[in-house]
Amino acid sequence: MGIRERAEADARRILNNKTSGKGLDITVTDPTGASHSFVGWQNDIAELIDPDTQDYVSGRLVNVSLAITDLVTAGLEIPEGEPDPNKRPWVVEYTDLWGTPLKYAVARSVPDRGLGIVVLYLEVYA
């Protein structure tokens, strides 16, 4: 096993660790309506700093990270944001620390094909 394969395996093991790590159950629904369950990481930051002014701004940055191998194994491609509001987006759902179910649409994705992970930036989805 080469260094790239070892790095991908390590990243996947860390993302999928629900026992001693940060992993949580995440459901991804593709635009056809088919849902798939994964384990990954989630971040939800409610206060951001404007990089130009260094001032606090009101905002929210929500994302999840998943192993690309898990998506491929489930028969999926890497989710992407859907710019057309008339089309169904990729949808991500999970439950926060307080048991509140949350549902988001994928706004954009940032795959790291060197480590084999993808960060999905999310927006509120009704």
Protein backbone atom coordinates (compact mmCIF):
# COMPACT_ATOMS: atom_id res chain seq x y z
CA MET A 1 0.00 0.00 0.00
CA GLY A 2 1.46 3.36 -1.07
CA ILE A 3 1.36 6.62 0.87
CA ARG A 4 -1.68 7.89 -1.07
CA GLU A 5 -3.68 4.75 -0.37
CA ARG A 6 -2.66 4.83 3.29
CA ALA A 7 -3.67 8.51 3.58
CA GLU A 8 -7.06 7.79 1.99
CA ALA A 9 -7.65 4.80 4.28
CA ASP A 10 -6.68 6.84 7.36
CA ALA A 11 -8.93 9.77 6.37
CA ARG A 12 -11.84 7.39 5.77
CA ARG A 13 -11.28 5.63 9.11
CA ILE A 14 -11.23 8.97 10.94
CA LEU A 15 -14.39 10.26 9.20
CA ASN A 16 -16.26 7.03 9.91
CA ASN A 17 -15.29 6.83 13.60
CA LYS A 18 -18.47 7.15 15.68
CA THR A 19 -17.03 5.47 18.79
CA SER A 20 -14.13 7.69 19.81
CA GLY A 21 -14.29 10.29 17.07
CA LYS A 22 -16.50 12.96 15.63
CA GLY A 23 -18.40 10.79 13.14
CA LEU A 24 -22.18 10.99 12.96
CA ASP A 25 -24.92 9.51 10.82
CA ILE A 26 -25.59 11.54 7.70
CA THR A 27 -28.24 10.84 5.06
CA VAL A 28 -27.62 12.00 1.51
CA THR A 29 -30.51 12.08 -0.96
CA ASP A 30 -29.66 12.41 -4.63
CA PRO A 31 -31.79 14.44 -7.09
CA THR A 32 -33.75 11.31 -8.06
CA GLY A 33 -34.95 10.93 -4.45
CA ALA A 34 -32.81 7.90 -3.54
CA SER A 35 -31.40 8.15 0.00
CA HIS A 36 -28.14 6.70 1.27
CA SER A 37 -26.72 6.58 4.80
CA PHE A 38 -23.12 7.52 5.60
CA VAL A 39 -20.97 8.42 8.55
CA GLY A 40 -18.99 11.64 8.36
CA TRP A 41 -18.16 14.91 10.05
CA GLN A 42 -20.33 17.98 10.43
CA ASN A 43 -19.51 21.62 11.17
CA ASP A 44 -21.96 24.44 11.87
CA ILE A 45 -20.35 27.79 12.58
CA ALA A 46 -22.72 30.64 13.41
CA GLU A 47 -20.27 33.53 13.60
CA LEU A 48 -17.88 34.41 10.84
CA ILE A 49 -15.13 36.96 10.37
CA ASP A 50 -14.99 39.03 7.20
CA PRO A 51 -11.50 38.27 5.83
CA ASP A 52 -11.18 41.75 4.31
CA THR A 53 -12.10 43.82 7.37
CA GLN A 54 -11.52 41.32 10.20
CA ASP A 55 -14.94 42.39 11.55
CA TYR A 56 -17.52 39.98 12.86
CA VAL A 57 -20.40 39.45 10.46
CA SER A 58 -23.69 37.69 10.96
CA GLY A 59 -23.60 34.46 9.06
CA ARG A 60 -23.63 30.71 9.16
CA LEU A 61 -21.34 28.19 7.54
CA VAL A 62 -22.58 24.59 7.55
CA ASN A 63 -20.75 21.68 5.96
CA VAL A 64 -20.28 17.94 6.13
CA SER A 65 -17.27 15.86 5.14
CA LEU A 66 -17.63 12.38 3.66
CA ALA A 67 -15.26 9.77 2.27
CA ILE A 68 -15.44 9.68 -1.53
CA THR A 69 -14.95 5.89 -1.41
CA ASP A 70 -18.17 5.60 0.63
CA LEU A 71 -20.07 7.61 -2.00
CA VAL A 72 -18.62 5.54 -4.87
CA THR A 73 -19.37 2.27 -3.04
CA ALA A 74 -23.01 3.40 -2.70
CA GLY A 75 -23.12 4.01 -6.47
CA LEU A 76 -23.15 7.80 -6.17
CA GLU A 77 -21.14 10.54 -7.78
CA ILE A 78 -19.78 13.46 -5.79
CA PRO A 79 -22.78 15.67 -4.89
CA GLU A 80 -22.82 19.15 -6.37
CA GLY A 81 -24.87 22.28 -5.89
CA GLU A 82 -27.87 22.68 -8.19
CA PRO A 83 -28.04 26.24 -9.54
CA ASP A 84 -31.51 25.79 -11.08
CA PRO A 85 -34.15 26.38 -8.36
CA ASN A 86 -36.65 24.38 -10.42
CA LYS A 87 -34.59 21.17 -10.14
CA ARG A 88 -34.24 18.92 -7.12
CA PRO A 89 -30.96 19.44 -5.28
CA TRP A 90 -28.77 16.97 -3.44
CA VAL A 91 -30.08 16.96 0.15
CA VAL A 92 -28.14 16.25 3.35
CA GLU A 93 -29.81 15.40 6.67
CA TYR A 94 -28.46 14.72 10.15
CA THR A 95 -29.37 15.28 13.79
CA ASP A 96 -27.49 17.83 15.90
CA LEU A 97 -26.19 17.34 19.45
CA TRP A 98 -29.58 18.24 20.94
CA GLY A 99 -31.58 15.80 18.81
CA THR A 100 -32.87 18.37 16.33
CA PRO A 101 -33.18 16.95 12.80
CA LEU A 102 -31.60 19.27 10.24
CA LYS A 103 -32.07 19.29 6.48
CA TYR A 104 -29.91 21.15 3.96
CA ALA A 105 -29.33 21.37 0.22
CA VAL A 106 -25.82 21.06 -1.15
CA ALA A 107 -24.65 24.52 -2.26
CA ARG A 108 -21.21 23.42 -3.48
CA SER A 109 -18.71 20.64 -3.04
CA VAL A 110 -14.96 20.68 -2.59
CA PRO A 111 -13.45 17.25 -3.28
CA ASP A 112 -9.92 16.43 -2.18
CA ARG A 113 -8.97 13.61 -4.51
CA GLY A 114 -5.57 13.27 -2.82
CA LEU A 115 -7.08 12.32 0.56
CA GLY A 116 -10.33 10.90 -0.82
CA ILE A 117 -12.73 13.18 1.04
CA VAL A 118 -15.30 15.74 -0.07
CA VAL A 119 -16.55 18.74 1.89
CA LEU A 120 -20.15 19.60 1.06
CA TYR A 121 -21.09 23.21 1.85
CA LEU A 122 -24.77 23.37 2.71
CA GLU A 123 -27.64 25.84 2.67
CA VAL A 124 -31.02 25.70 4.38
CA TYR A 125 -33.53 23.55 2.52
CA ALA A 126 -37.25 23.63 3.25
